[in-house]
Amino acid sequence: MTSALLKIGNLSVSPVIGAPMAGVTDAPFRRIVRRFGKELLHTEMVLAASLVHAHKQTRQMALCEETDAPVAVQLEGTKPDVMAEAARIVEKTKRAQLIDINMGCPVAKIVKAGGGAALMNTPELAESIVRAVVTAVRLPVTVKFRSGWDEDSLTYSDFGKRMRDAGATAVTLHARTRTQFYSGKADWGAVAELKRALDIPVIANGDVRTPEQAKQCLSETGADGVMIGRGLLGKPWVLAECSAFLNGGKPPVVDDLGALALDHFDEMEKYYGHKAVFIARKHIAWYSLGLTGSAAFRRLINETDEPEAMRALIRDFFGGKHDESK
């Protein structure tokens, strides 16, 4: 295990990385995470075809902020030329430091169109996509994929070699199959095997939520980095906490969850306008998990559709409460 900086192309970052999560890792969320550290973050999954066709919401998702750095834009698609053009659009903004290609999304509407995890069943097409994107831009290109479609097709080792040969600078293995979605236990042994098979950085993803788990995962797998997704929900300080733990540094201090939740809501309102009330419900609910009365609080915020009412509920519920899971 190493806590040294992870080098991806010309980019040097902490080995602790924030995962791309649809409906979660938007600009307001990244602003809050940035308060605690400078670990590499990812945007939500951006549909390449929508970006190329100038879909307003998709362009907003892909347009990172200067304060985001270092940040990767994750692209999803099945057509090499469209993926290449989308990558060019991202690079022209001069806001992203890396492009990640999604080959692990298990959602039905994505895989039915041949994208996400379904690309593991068409490795030649997957290679073509990576080659097209690598050729189109100067930014480092990474690929995130799963261990396979199901337990009978654990193709991660061969697939990883194909991605490397196509020009990927690093790969992330979510050590679950598509049929598992997010259930069951991640197979860290698969990450270890992939690391032994490749001479490019391998990032482990799956079942890492705490600093101790991050250290254990890196130690057991020999991976170059660890990617955290669901462990960030309601705990935007976790990446910085893990980095500090690995380096013997000082962990971030979270004095007031309520103030943090209010700030997050304010950022969402600036970004989304009145829609923020509805989009914020899940985020505010995540902050409350583990606290006394959280179930009743979640019911209340799910019935709220006015910004000031949301703020009042947050103030009343948290009142300076601390994270009781520590």
Foldseek 3Di string as FASTA:
>chain_A
DAQAWADQPPDTFTLEEADADPLAQAQLLLVLLLVQHQGEYEFHEAELVCVVVPPPVSVNSLQHDQSSPAYEYEYKDQDQVSLQVSLLVSVVSVRYQEYEYAQAQLDPVQVVRCMHVNVLVVLVSVLSNLLSNVVNDPHAYEYEHELHQAPVGRPVQVSLVSNVVSPHQEYEYAQHHSVCRQDDFRDLVSLLVNVVRDPHAYEYETDDQALVSQVVSCVVRVGSHYYDYPSCQLPSQRSSQNSCSSVVHDGDDDFFSLVSLLSSLVSQCVVPPLCSLVSSLRSLLSNCPPPPPSVVLSVVSNPDRGPVVNNVSSCVPRVRPDRPVD
